[in-house]
N, C-alpha and C. Protein backbone atom coordinates (compact mmCIF):
# COMPACT_ATOMS: atom_id res chain seq x y z
N UNK A 1 4.04 -1.03 -2.70
CA UNK A 1 3.35 -2.05 -4.49
C UNK A 1 3.01 -3.08 -3.92
N UNK A 2 1.44 -4.32 -5.34
CA UNK A 2 1.00 -4.96 -4.83
C UNK A 2 1.91 -5.76 -6.27
N UNK A 3 1.20 -7.35 -6.17
CA UNK A 3 1.47 -8.27 -7.21
C UNK A 3 0.83 -9.00 -6.68
N UNK A 4 -0.94 -9.04 -8.08
CA UNK A 4 -1.68 -9.85 -9.00
C UNK A 4 -0.73 -11.38 -9.64
N UNK A 5 -0.84 -12.74 -8.88
CA UNK A 5 -0.03 -13.60 -10.22
C UNK A 5 -1.58 -14.57 -10.18
N UNK A 6 -1.12 -15.11 -11.02
CA UNK A 6 -2.58 -15.52 -11.87
C UNK A 6 -1.65 -17.36 -12.22
N UNK A 7 -2.56 -18.36 -12.13
CA UNK A 7 -1.59 -19.67 -12.09
C UNK A 7 -2.55 -20.10 -13.73
N UNK A 8 -1.25 -20.75 -14.28
CA UNK A 8 -1.91 -21.31 -15.05
C UNK A 8 -0.55 -21.95 -15.30
N UNK A 9 -0.65 -23.08 -17.37
CA UNK A 9 -0.14 -23.81 -17.59
C UNK A 9 0.06 -23.12 -19.02
N UNK A 10 1.43 -22.92 -19.61
CA UNK A 10 2.19 -22.09 -20.88
C UNK A 10 0.96 -23.33 -21.31
N UNK A 11 0.94 -22.51 -23.53
CA UNK A 11 1.27 -23.36 -23.95
C UNK A 11 -0.59 -22.61 -24.90
N UNK A 12 -1.00 -22.92 -26.19
CA UNK A 12 -2.14 -22.51 -25.92
C UNK A 12 -2.98 -23.92 -25.65
N UNK A 13 -2.80 -25.36 -25.62
CA UNK A 13 -3.65 -26.28 -25.86
C UNK A 13 -4.17 -25.87 -23.87
N UNK A 14 -3.70 -25.65 -23.33
CA UNK A 14 -4.02 -25.61 -22.13
C UNK A 14 -5.44 -24.67 -21.76
N UNK A 15 -5.06 -23.41 -22.69
CA UNK A 15 -5.07 -21.85 -22.51
C UNK A 15 -6.76 -21.06 -21.90
N UNK A 16 -7.81 -22.68 -22.62
CA UNK A 16 -8.98 -22.44 -22.06
C UNK A 16 -9.18 -23.39 -20.94
N UNK A 17 -8.61 -24.49 -20.98
CA UNK A 17 -8.89 -25.12 -19.11
C UNK A 17 -8.87 -24.90 -17.95
N UNK A 18 -9.58 -25.34 -16.91
CA UNK A 18 -9.96 -25.39 -15.89
C UNK A 18 -8.93 -24.91 -14.73
N UNK A 19 -8.05 -25.50 -15.10
CA UNK A 19 -6.40 -24.99 -14.42
C UNK A 19 -5.91 -23.89 -14.67
N UNK A 20 -5.85 -23.15 -15.61
CA UNK A 20 -6.02 -21.55 -15.88
C UNK A 20 -6.27 -20.88 -15.79
N UNK A 21 -7.62 -20.75 -15.25
CA UNK A 21 -8.66 -19.57 -14.84
C UNK A 21 -7.70 -18.95 -13.55
N UNK A 22 -6.98 -19.43 -13.06
CA UNK A 22 -6.09 -17.93 -12.45
C UNK A 22 -5.92 -16.90 -13.79
N UNK A 23 -5.06 -17.44 -14.41
CA UNK A 23 -4.31 -16.72 -15.45
C UNK A 23 -4.85 -16.13 -16.01
N UNK A 24 -5.99 -16.45 -16.91
CA UNK A 24 -7.06 -16.20 -17.67
C UNK A 24 -7.53 -14.93 -16.89
N UNK A 25 -7.83 -15.02 -15.22
CA UNK A 25 -8.36 -13.80 -15.23
C UNK A 25 -7.58 -12.65 -15.17
N UNK A 26 -6.05 -13.12 -14.79
CA UNK A 26 -4.42 -11.23 -15.18
C UNK A 26 -4.96 -11.11 -16.38
N UNK A 27 -4.69 -12.10 -17.47
CA UNK A 27 -5.08 -11.51 -18.88
C UNK A 27 -6.06 -10.93 -19.11
N UNK A 28 -7.87 -11.18 -18.19
CA UNK A 28 -9.07 -10.68 -19.16
C UNK A 28 -8.82 -9.59 -18.66
N UNK A 29 -8.19 -9.03 -16.75
CA UNK A 29 -7.64 -7.35 -16.48
C UNK A 29 -6.20 -6.49 -17.38
N UNK A 30 -5.59 -7.03 -18.12
CA UNK A 30 -4.63 -6.05 -18.57
C UNK A 30 -5.62 -5.97 -19.88
N UNK A 31 -6.65 -6.31 -20.36
CA UNK A 31 -7.71 -6.83 -21.55
C UNK A 31 -8.15 -5.28 -21.73
N UNK A 32 -8.49 -5.30 -20.67
CA UNK A 32 -9.51 -4.21 -19.62
C UNK A 32 -9.02 -3.17 -19.43
N UNK A 33 -8.19 -3.16 -18.91
CA UNK A 33 -6.94 -1.71 -18.84
C UNK A 33 -6.35 -1.24 -19.98
N UNK A 34 -6.03 -1.88 -20.69
CA UNK A 34 -5.64 -2.34 -22.19
C UNK A 34 -3.70 -1.88 -21.90
N UNK A 35 -3.15 -3.37 -20.84
CA UNK A 35 -2.27 -3.15 -21.52
C UNK A 35 -1.27 -4.12 -21.65
N UNK A 36 -0.18 -4.53 -21.59
CA UNK A 36 0.09 -6.00 -22.35
C UNK A 36 0.70 -6.36 -21.14
N UNK A 37 1.17 -7.77 -21.61
CA UNK A 37 2.30 -8.55 -20.29
C UNK A 37 3.54 -8.83 -21.52
N UNK A 38 4.39 -8.58 -20.76
CA UNK A 38 6.11 -8.99 -21.64
C UNK A 38 6.25 -10.31 -21.46
N UNK A 39 7.33 -10.75 -21.31
CA UNK A 39 7.57 -12.15 -20.92
C UNK A 39 9.19 -11.77 -20.62
N UNK A 40 9.56 -12.17 -19.03
CA UNK A 40 10.47 -11.94 -18.39
C UNK A 40 12.00 -13.48 -18.15
N UNK A 41 11.87 -13.95 -18.91
CA UNK A 41 12.63 -15.30 -18.45
C UNK A 41 13.21 -15.17 -17.46
N UNK A 42 13.64 -14.27 -16.59
CA UNK A 42 14.78 -14.10 -16.12
C UNK A 42 14.01 -14.55 -14.36
N UNK A 43 12.41 -14.31 -14.55
CA UNK A 43 12.22 -13.95 -13.49
C UNK A 43 11.07 -14.93 -13.40
N UNK A 44 10.68 -16.06 -14.82
CA UNK A 44 9.90 -17.32 -15.63
C UNK A 44 9.07 -16.55 -15.71
N UNK A 45 7.86 -15.06 -15.71
CA UNK A 45 6.79 -15.44 -15.94
C UNK A 45 7.15 -13.50 -16.97
N UNK A 46 5.52 -13.84 -17.47
CA UNK A 46 5.05 -12.64 -18.46
C UNK A 46 4.59 -11.76 -17.54
N UNK A 47 5.37 -9.54 -17.16
CA UNK A 47 4.27 -9.59 -16.36
C UNK A 47 4.20 -7.66 -17.37
N UNK A 48 3.21 -6.81 -16.12
CA UNK A 48 2.19 -6.09 -16.83
C UNK A 48 2.58 -5.26 -15.70
N UNK A 49 2.42 -4.25 -15.19
CA UNK A 49 1.33 -2.51 -14.76
C UNK A 49 0.34 -2.09 -14.87
N UNK A 50 -0.64 -2.08 -13.86
CA UNK A 50 -1.75 -1.66 -13.71
C UNK A 50 -1.67 -0.60 -12.89
N UNK A 51 -2.14 1.01 -13.27
CA UNK A 51 -2.15 2.20 -12.63
C UNK A 51 -3.81 2.14 -11.67
N UNK A 52 -3.85 1.33 -10.45
CA UNK A 52 -5.23 1.84 -9.56
C UNK A 52 -4.39 2.51 -8.76
N UNK A 53 -4.98 1.97 -7.33
CA UNK A 53 -4.55 3.73 -6.25
C UNK A 53 -3.51 3.54 -6.41
N UNK A 54 -2.42 2.97 -6.36
CA UNK A 54 -1.17 2.73 -7.42
C UNK A 54 -0.57 1.40 -7.57
N UNK A 55 0.38 1.74 -8.86
CA UNK A 55 1.00 1.30 -9.05
C UNK A 55 0.87 -1.09 -9.29
N UNK A 56 0.33 -1.51 -9.50
CA UNK A 56 0.43 -3.54 -9.14
C UNK A 56 0.67 -3.56 -10.56
N UNK A 57 1.52 -4.45 -10.04
CA UNK A 57 2.33 -5.95 -11.20
C UNK A 57 1.62 -7.13 -11.70
N UNK A 58 1.04 -7.29 -12.53
CA UNK A 58 0.13 -8.15 -12.80
C UNK A 58 1.39 -9.31 -13.66
N UNK A 59 1.45 -10.37 -13.06
CA UNK A 59 2.55 -11.69 -14.07
C UNK A 59 1.79 -13.38 -13.33
N UNK A 60 1.71 -13.53 -14.86
CA UNK A 60 1.37 -15.34 -14.64
C UNK A 60 2.95 -15.91 -15.57
N UNK A 61 3.36 -17.77 -14.34
CA UNK A 61 4.09 -18.13 -14.35
C UNK A 61 3.90 -18.22 -16.13
N UNK A 62 5.76 -18.39 -16.66
CA UNK A 62 6.00 -18.92 -17.94
C UNK A 62 6.12 -20.75 -17.46
N UNK A 63 5.93 -21.30 -16.57
CA UNK A 63 6.63 -22.87 -16.12
C UNK A 63 5.46 -22.87 -16.20
N UNK A 64 5.70 -24.62 -16.18
CA UNK A 64 4.07 -25.13 -15.53
C UNK A 64 3.97 -25.09 -13.94
N UNK A 65 2.15 -25.70 -13.73
CA UNK A 65 2.16 -25.46 -12.59
C UNK A 65 2.39 -25.77 -11.41
N UNK A 66 3.30 -26.97 -11.76
CA UNK A 66 3.78 -27.50 -9.96
C UNK A 66 5.24 -27.17 -9.96
N UNK A 67 5.92 -25.81 -10.74
CA UNK A 67 6.93 -25.03 -10.38
C UNK A 67 6.25 -23.34 -10.08
N UNK A 68 5.66 -22.86 -10.15
CA UNK A 68 4.77 -21.73 -10.00
C UNK A 68 5.46 -21.00 -9.14
N UNK A 69 6.23 -21.57 -8.03
CA UNK A 69 6.52 -21.58 -6.85
C UNK A 69 7.97 -20.74 -7.94
N UNK A 70 8.39 -21.64 -8.50
CA UNK A 70 9.81 -20.36 -9.08
C UNK A 70 9.96 -19.22 -9.77
N UNK A 71 9.10 -18.70 -10.07
CA UNK A 71 8.16 -18.14 -10.61
C UNK A 71 8.08 -16.79 -9.84
N UNK A 72 7.15 -17.05 -8.22
CA UNK A 72 6.62 -16.20 -6.93
C UNK A 72 7.43 -16.00 -6.68
N UNK A 73 8.65 -17.00 -6.15
CA UNK A 73 9.60 -16.26 -5.46
C UNK A 73 10.85 -15.69 -6.17
N UNK A 74 10.84 -15.94 -7.22
CA UNK A 74 11.70 -14.49 -7.73
C UNK A 74 10.87 -13.34 -8.41
N UNK A 75 9.72 -12.10 -8.67
CA UNK A 75 9.32 -11.82 -7.96
C UNK A 75 8.95 -10.78 -7.16
N UNK A 76 8.98 -11.82 -5.84
CA UNK A 76 8.99 -11.68 -4.86
C UNK A 76 10.33 -10.18 -4.33
N UNK A 77 11.48 -11.30 -4.90
CA UNK A 77 12.58 -11.14 -4.21
C UNK A 77 12.62 -9.61 -5.17
N UNK A 78 12.26 -10.12 -6.41
CA UNK A 78 11.72 -8.88 -7.67
C UNK A 78 12.44 -7.59 -7.30
N UNK A 79 11.35 -7.24 -6.08
CA UNK A 79 10.48 -6.25 -5.91
C UNK A 79 10.45 -6.04 -4.29
N UNK A 80 10.64 -7.19 -3.75
CA UNK A 80 10.93 -6.98 -2.60
C UNK A 80 9.73 -6.87 -1.28
N UNK A 81 9.27 -7.48 -2.25
CA UNK A 81 7.53 -7.96 -2.44
C UNK A 81 7.29 -8.46 -0.30
N UNK A 82 6.56 -7.27 0.27
CA UNK A 82 6.08 -8.52 1.73
C UNK A 82 4.63 -9.68 1.17
N UNK A 83 4.85 -10.68 1.10
CA UNK A 83 4.05 -11.57 0.29
C UNK A 83 3.42 -11.91 0.82
N UNK A 84 3.59 -12.21 2.23
CA UNK A 84 2.55 -12.48 3.95
C UNK A 84 0.95 -10.72 3.47
N UNK A 85 1.52 -9.80 3.15
CA UNK A 85 0.37 -8.79 2.17
C UNK A 85 -0.18 -8.76 1.57
N UNK A 86 1.15 -8.54 0.55
CA UNK A 86 0.87 -7.37 -1.14
C UNK A 86 0.67 -8.75 -2.19
N UNK A 87 1.18 -9.85 -1.78
CA UNK A 87 1.55 -10.64 -2.82
C UNK A 87 -0.06 -11.36 -3.09
N UNK A 88 -1.12 -11.75 -4.21
CA UNK A 88 -2.07 -12.13 -4.22
C UNK A 88 -2.06 -13.49 -5.10
N UNK A 89 -1.88 -14.32 -5.06
CA UNK A 89 -2.22 -15.72 -5.52
C UNK A 89 -3.56 -15.74 -5.98
N UNK A 90 -3.92 -15.62 -7.58
CA UNK A 90 -5.21 -16.43 -7.66
C UNK A 90 -5.25 -17.27 -9.09
N UNK A 91 -5.63 -18.64 -8.55
CA UNK A 91 -6.14 -19.55 -8.07
C UNK A 91 -7.11 -21.24 -8.22
N UNK A 92 -7.65 -21.82 -9.31
CA UNK A 92 -8.55 -22.67 -9.62
C UNK A 92 -9.17 -23.73 -8.09
N UNK A 93 -9.82 -23.46 -7.40
CA UNK A 93 -10.22 -24.37 -6.68
C UNK A 93 -11.23 -25.25 -6.83
N UNK A 94 -10.78 -26.54 -6.81
CA UNK A 94 -11.89 -27.58 -7.49
C UNK A 94 -13.33 -28.39 -5.96
N UNK A 95 -13.14 -27.90 -4.91
CA UNK A 95 -13.55 -28.27 -4.06
C UNK A 95 -14.61 -26.96 -4.06
N UNK A 96 -14.85 -25.64 -5.29
CA UNK A 96 -15.55 -24.47 -5.02
C UNK A 96 -16.41 -25.54 -5.86
N UNK A 97 -17.99 -24.69 -6.00
CA UNK A 97 -18.66 -24.91 -7.43
C UNK A 97 -18.26 -23.34 -8.20
N UNK A 98 -18.67 -24.02 -9.28
CA UNK A 98 -18.31 -22.94 -10.69
C UNK A 98 -18.73 -20.95 -10.27
N UNK A 99 -17.39 -20.36 -10.88
CA UNK A 99 -17.92 -18.88 -10.12
C UNK A 99 -18.16 -18.87 -8.84
N UNK A 100 -17.74 -19.51 -7.87
CA UNK A 100 -18.09 -18.84 -6.74
C UNK A 100 -16.55 -18.65 -5.78
N UNK A 101 -16.12 -17.58 -5.02
CA UNK A 101 -15.23 -16.45 -5.00
C UNK A 101 -14.73 -17.24 -3.69
N UNK A 102 -13.57 -16.79 -3.27
CA UNK A 102 -13.14 -17.45 -1.72
C UNK A 102 -11.63 -16.60 -1.79
N UNK A 103 -11.60 -15.79 -0.69
CA UNK A 103 -10.78 -15.19 0.22
C UNK A 103 -10.39 -15.60 1.20
N UNK A 104 -8.59 -15.68 1.36
CA UNK A 104 -7.78 -16.39 2.03
C UNK A 104 -6.24 -15.26 2.45
N UNK A 105 -6.47 -15.72 3.61
CA UNK A 105 -5.15 -14.94 3.62
C UNK A 105 -4.00 -15.59 3.85
N UNK A 106 -4.20 -16.95 4.04
CA UNK A 106 -3.51 -18.24 4.78
C UNK A 106 -3.67 -19.42 4.19
N UNK A 107 -3.39 -20.46 4.26
CA UNK A 107 -3.18 -22.04 4.36
C UNK A 107 -2.92 -23.31 4.15
N UNK A 108 -3.11 -24.35 3.90
CA UNK A 108 -2.74 -25.48 2.74
C UNK A 108 -3.08 -25.61 1.31
N UNK A 109 -1.73 -26.35 1.05
CA UNK A 109 -2.01 -26.50 -0.39
C UNK A 109 -3.99 -26.92 -0.99
N UNK A 110 -3.67 -27.82 0.02
CA UNK A 110 -5.10 -28.65 -0.44
C UNK A 110 -5.13 -29.03 -1.36
N UNK A 111 -4.50 -29.95 -1.65
CA UNK A 111 -3.67 -30.84 -2.86
C UNK A 111 -3.80 -30.34 -4.57
N UNK A 112 -3.37 -28.50 -4.39
CA UNK A 112 -2.79 -28.03 -5.42
C UNK A 112 -1.62 -27.51 -5.76
N UNK A 113 -0.49 -28.37 -6.79
CA UNK A 113 0.39 -28.49 -6.86
C UNK A 113 1.22 -27.21 -7.08
N UNK A 114 0.68 -26.65 -8.03
CA UNK A 114 0.61 -24.40 -8.20
C UNK A 114 1.07 -23.67 -6.42
N UNK A 115 0.11 -24.26 -5.26
CA UNK A 115 0.26 -23.70 -4.39
C UNK A 115 1.47 -24.21 -3.08
N UNK A 116 1.42 -25.81 -3.64
CA UNK A 116 2.65 -26.32 -3.21
C UNK A 116 3.89 -26.21 -3.86
N UNK A 117 3.97 -26.24 -4.44
CA UNK A 117 5.51 -25.00 -5.39
C UNK A 117 5.36 -23.71 -4.64
N UNK A 118 4.53 -23.22 -4.78
CA UNK A 118 4.77 -21.43 -4.13
C UNK A 118 4.87 -21.36 -2.53
N UNK A 119 4.94 -22.43 -2.10
CA UNK A 119 4.53 -22.69 0.03
C UNK A 119 5.91 -23.11 -0.07
N UNK A 120 6.72 -24.27 -1.26
CA UNK A 120 7.81 -24.37 -0.78
C UNK A 120 8.53 -24.05 -1.20
N UNK A 121 8.56 -22.47 -2.00
CA UNK A 121 9.63 -21.78 -2.53
C UNK A 121 9.72 -21.03 -1.39
N UNK A 122 8.02 -19.93 -1.11
CA UNK A 122 8.26 -18.82 -0.26
C UNK A 122 8.82 -20.05 1.16
N UNK A 123 8.87 -21.13 1.31
CA UNK A 123 8.51 -21.30 3.06
C UNK A 123 7.30 -20.63 4.05
N UNK A 124 6.45 -20.52 3.43
CA UNK A 124 5.34 -20.13 4.44
C UNK A 124 4.54 -20.41 3.31
N UNK A 125 3.33 -20.50 4.25
CA UNK A 125 1.46 -20.85 4.14
C UNK A 125 0.78 -19.56 4.07
N UNK A 126 1.42 -17.99 4.27
CA UNK A 126 1.39 -16.70 5.21
C UNK A 126 1.54 -16.86 4.19
N UNK A 127 0.46 -15.82 2.73
CA UNK A 127 0.05 -15.52 1.89
C UNK A 127 -0.97 -15.41 0.81
N UNK A 128 -1.52 -14.25 0.45
CA UNK A 128 -2.99 -14.52 0.43
C UNK A 128 -4.00 -15.10 -1.19
N UNK A 129 -4.72 -15.47 -1.30
CA UNK A 129 -5.08 -16.28 -2.51
C UNK A 129 -6.79 -16.19 -2.17
N UNK A 130 -6.75 -16.33 -3.61
CA UNK A 130 -8.10 -15.35 -4.05
C UNK A 130 -8.11 -16.98 -4.99
N UNK A 131 -9.33 -17.88 -5.11
CA UNK A 131 -9.55 -19.16 -5.00
C UNK A 131 -10.38 -19.16 -5.85
N UNK A 132 -10.69 -19.25 -7.29
CA UNK A 132 -11.87 -19.72 -7.98
C UNK A 132 -12.69 -21.37 -7.89
N UNK A 133 -14.08 -20.96 -7.83
CA UNK A 133 -14.35 -22.52 -8.27
C UNK A 133 -14.40 -23.21 -9.43
N UNK A 134 -13.90 -23.78 -10.18
CA UNK A 134 -14.38 -24.80 -11.15
C UNK A 134 -14.70 -25.52 -11.06
N UNK A 135 -15.52 -26.51 -10.09
CA UNK A 135 -15.83 -27.66 -10.30
C UNK A 135 -16.89 -28.07 -9.16
N UNK A 136 -16.42 -29.31 -9.33
CA UNK A 136 -17.99 -30.18 -8.39
C UNK A 136 -18.80 -30.26 -8.90
N UNK A 137 -20.18 -29.17 -8.50
CA UNK A 137 -21.33 -28.88 -8.76
C UNK A 137 -21.81 -27.16 -9.60
N UNK A 138 -22.63 -27.65 -9.97
CA UNK A 138 -22.76 -26.09 -10.79
C UNK A 138 -23.47 -25.03 -9.72
N UNK A 139 -22.81 -23.91 -9.23
CA UNK A 139 -23.75 -23.31 -8.53
C UNK A 139 -24.87 -22.71 -7.82
N UNK A 140 -25.47 -23.01 -7.37
CA UNK A 140 -27.54 -22.69 -7.83
C UNK A 140 -28.24 -23.23 -8.61
N UNK A 141 -27.36 -24.95 -9.19
CA UNK A 141 -27.84 -25.86 -10.00
C UNK A 141 -27.75 -27.27 -9.02
N UNK A 142 -26.55 -27.56 -8.30
CA UNK A 142 -26.73 -28.33 -8.25
C UNK A 142 -26.46 -29.64 -9.36
N UNK A 143 -25.41 -29.03 -10.74
CA UNK A 143 -25.68 -29.87 -11.55
C UNK A 143 -25.08 -30.86 -11.42
N UNK A 144 -24.28 -31.67 -11.27
CA UNK A 144 -22.72 -32.43 -11.87
C UNK A 144 -21.73 -31.91 -12.71
N UNK A 145 -21.27 -31.75 -12.53
CA UNK A 145 -19.90 -31.28 -13.36
C UNK A 145 -18.39 -31.63 -13.47
N UNK A 146 -18.22 -32.51 -12.68
CA UNK A 146 -17.25 -34.00 -12.90
C UNK A 146 -17.97 -35.14 -12.92
N UNK A 147 -17.80 -36.61 -13.52
CA UNK A 147 -18.16 -36.98 -13.86
C UNK A 147 -17.67 -38.12 -12.52
N UNK A 148 -17.61 -39.22 -11.42
CA UNK A 148 -18.36 -39.64 -10.99
C UNK A 148 -16.71 -40.41 -10.24
N UNK A 149 -16.58 -40.96 -12.04
CA UNK A 149 -14.95 -41.21 -11.95
C UNK A 149 -14.21 -40.49 -12.73
N UNK A 150 -14.46 -39.25 -12.98
CA UNK A 150 -13.28 -39.06 -13.97
C UNK A 150 -11.92 -38.59 -12.85
N UNK A 151 -10.60 -38.78 -13.62
CA UNK A 151 -9.69 -38.81 -12.65
C UNK A 151 -9.98 -36.88 -12.25
N UNK A 152 -9.24 -36.15 -10.83
CA UNK A 152 -8.89 -34.62 -10.74
C UNK A 152 -7.81 -34.81 -12.15
N UNK A 153 -7.26 -35.07 -11.85
CA UNK A 153 -6.20 -34.65 -12.83
C UNK A 153 -7.22 -34.47 -14.91
N UNK A 154 -7.40 -35.49 -14.39
CA UNK A 154 -8.90 -35.38 -16.38
C UNK A 154 -9.62 -33.96 -16.31
N UNK A 155 -10.05 -33.68 -15.18
CA UNK A 155 -11.56 -32.52 -14.90
C UNK A 155 -10.47 -31.83 -14.84
N UNK A 156 -9.46 -30.75 -14.45
CA UNK A 156 -8.48 -30.67 -14.34
C UNK A 156 -8.23 -29.39 -15.19
N UNK A 157 -7.73 -30.61 -16.82
CA UNK A 157 -7.37 -30.32 -17.65
C UNK A 157 -8.04 -30.08 -18.70
N UNK A 158 -8.85 -29.92 -18.57
CA UNK A 158 -10.58 -30.47 -19.17
C UNK A 158 -10.65 -28.11 -19.82
N UNK A 159 -11.58 -28.33 -20.22
CA UNK A 159 -11.98 -26.68 -20.42
C UNK A 159 -13.22 -26.62 -20.23
N UNK A 160 -13.79 -26.03 -19.56
CA UNK A 160 -15.39 -24.94 -19.63
C UNK A 160 -16.33 -25.73 -20.52
N UNK A 161 -17.17 -26.08 -19.86
CA UNK A 161 -18.42 -26.37 -20.56
C UNK A 161 -19.25 -25.37 -21.15
N UNK A 162 -20.39 -25.24 -22.36
CA UNK A 162 -20.20 -23.76 -23.97
C UNK A 162 -21.22 -23.21 -22.34
N UNK A 163 -22.19 -24.32 -21.57
CA UNK A 163 -22.71 -22.82 -20.48
C UNK A 163 -21.82 -22.96 -20.00
N UNK A 164 -20.67 -23.28 -19.11
CA UNK A 164 -20.23 -21.99 -17.90
C UNK A 164 -19.72 -20.44 -19.21
N UNK A 165 -19.00 -21.19 -19.92
CA UNK A 165 -18.26 -20.27 -20.36
C UNK A 165 -19.05 -18.85 -21.68
N UNK A 166 -20.88 -19.39 -21.13
CA UNK A 166 -20.90 -18.32 -21.50
C UNK A 166 -22.00 -17.19 -20.17
N UNK A 167 -21.11 -17.87 -19.32
CA UNK A 167 -20.87 -16.45 -18.14
C UNK A 167 -19.74 -16.66 -17.89
N UNK A 168 -18.45 -16.85 -18.89
CA UNK A 168 -17.43 -16.46 -18.27
C UNK A 168 -16.69 -15.07 -18.34
N UNK A 169 -17.29 -14.63 -18.88
CA UNK A 169 -17.14 -12.40 -18.96
C UNK A 169 -17.63 -11.69 -17.72
N UNK A 170 -19.08 -12.74 -17.49
CA UNK A 170 -19.43 -12.20 -15.91
C UNK A 170 -18.79 -12.28 -14.36
N UNK A 171 -17.58 -13.60 -15.28
CA UNK A 171 -16.89 -14.41 -14.01
C UNK A 171 -15.42 -13.67 -13.98
N UNK A 172 -15.50 -13.17 -15.10
CA UNK A 172 -14.05 -12.78 -14.96
C UNK A 172 -14.00 -10.93 -14.81
N UNK A 173 -15.07 -10.41 -14.79
CA UNK A 173 -14.98 -9.29 -14.43
C UNK A 173 -15.54 -8.99 -12.96
N UNK A 174 -16.00 -9.52 -12.38
CA UNK A 174 -16.09 -9.34 -10.87
C UNK A 174 -15.37 -10.19 -10.17
N UNK A 175 -14.38 -11.36 -10.69
CA UNK A 175 -12.75 -11.39 -10.43
C UNK A 175 -11.62 -9.91 -10.51
N UNK A 176 -11.75 -9.17 -11.90
CA UNK A 176 -11.48 -7.75 -11.38
C UNK A 176 -12.10 -7.39 -10.49
N UNK A 177 -12.92 -7.24 -10.79
CA UNK A 177 -13.09 -5.75 -9.14
C UNK A 177 -13.01 -6.74 -8.23
N UNK A 178 -12.89 -8.45 -7.55
CA UNK A 178 -12.41 -8.28 -6.56
C UNK A 178 -10.94 -8.48 -6.20
N UNK A 179 -9.91 -7.99 -7.13
CA UNK A 179 -8.32 -8.02 -6.77
C UNK A 179 -7.94 -6.76 -6.85
N UNK A 180 -9.33 -5.78 -7.32
CA UNK A 180 -9.66 -4.69 -7.51
C UNK A 180 -9.46 -3.79 -5.61
N UNK A 181 -10.53 -4.54 -5.22
CA UNK A 181 -11.14 -3.88 -4.05
C UNK A 181 -9.98 -4.74 -3.36
N UNK A 182 -8.87 -5.96 -3.29
CA UNK A 182 -7.54 -5.92 -2.78
C UNK A 182 -6.81 -5.20 -2.68
N UNK A 183 -7.12 -4.63 -3.15
CA UNK A 183 -5.77 -3.60 -3.17
C UNK A 183 -5.78 -2.09 -2.15
N UNK A 184 -6.89 -2.29 -2.69
CA UNK A 184 -6.92 -1.11 -1.45
C UNK A 184 -7.78 -1.08 0.31
N UNK A 185 -8.60 -2.18 0.13
CA UNK A 185 -9.48 -2.56 1.50
C UNK A 185 -8.53 -3.45 1.90
N UNK A 186 -8.70 -3.29 4.03
CA UNK A 186 -8.40 -4.48 4.55
C UNK A 186 -8.75 -5.24 4.09
N UNK A 187 -7.97 -7.16 3.58
CA UNK A 187 -7.87 -8.32 3.69
C UNK A 187 -8.86 -8.50 3.98
N UNK A 188 -9.18 -8.12 5.76
CA UNK A 188 -10.86 -9.05 6.90
C UNK A 188 -11.91 -8.86 5.96
N UNK A 189 -11.83 -7.36 5.18
CA UNK A 189 -13.33 -6.58 4.94
C UNK A 189 -12.72 -7.28 2.84
N UNK A 190 -12.15 -7.17 2.83
CA UNK A 190 -12.68 -7.96 1.46
C UNK A 190 -12.91 -9.84 1.82
N UNK A 191 -12.54 -10.77 2.42
CA UNK A 191 -13.09 -11.92 2.58
C UNK A 191 -14.52 -11.61 3.33
N UNK A 192 -14.68 -10.85 3.61
CA UNK A 192 -16.12 -10.25 4.48
C UNK A 192 -16.93 -10.41 3.36
N UNK A 193 -16.43 -9.48 2.18
CA UNK A 193 -17.32 -9.05 1.63
C UNK A 193 -17.43 -10.00 -0.17
N UNK A 194 -16.70 -10.71 -0.06
CA UNK A 194 -16.65 -11.82 -1.47
C UNK A 194 -17.12 -13.04 -1.26
N UNK A 195 -16.29 -13.23 0.26
CA UNK A 195 -16.01 -14.97 0.15
C UNK A 195 -18.13 -14.83 0.93
N UNK A 196 -19.07 -14.04 0.86
CA UNK A 196 -20.09 -14.66 1.48
C UNK A 196 -21.16 -14.38 0.61
N UNK A 197 -21.07 -13.44 -0.96
CA UNK A 197 -21.14 -14.28 -2.27
C UNK A 197 -21.65 -15.70 -2.73
N UNK A 198 -22.49 -15.43 -3.73
CA UNK A 198 -22.50 -16.55 -4.48
C UNK A 198 -21.85 -16.95 -5.42
N UNK A 199 -22.18 -18.25 -6.57
CA UNK A 199 -21.94 -17.99 -7.13
C UNK A 199 -22.17 -17.70 -8.55
N UNK A 200 -21.88 -18.17 -9.66
CA UNK A 200 -22.79 -17.32 -10.47
C UNK A 200 -23.22 -18.24 -12.03
């Protein structure tokens, strides 16, 4: 049994922001698979299940980003998930160019409040994560996306530019395929394949 959890903030005002790309990806998977999320307040998350090679649970926290670990810990406990290999956190990464994907099997939070909360509640940094680039510069063009004087918080809570949104369907579809590969292939193979790819 595997769990893919996309990070983000609740509320319509955050739906299209850069910080919500993780949640947006699991919602995209649900739409493509014609399944619907249901809210589980006891686990502080919205849940859906997709049938790939095996049942795979999709989720996103109903908490704000900096409390993401509460939902992750509740779900891991409920389903007895071996988080070091069967949990995948999908998260935004401002250090990666827009559209660049990077799988990791472990690592630090890198200043990300959602990952820091998860690390605290799991008591470990060892869990797979799929980082999706949201900024710095546009992949391939080097065009700056973040103004030099712009606070990081303002940037990650801003909406994607129109040009980025035009590429979003392709990005989300690539993300779906990457998540599906993670469920059936060894992590090292998925890392070798996905991490070598460029952005969009």
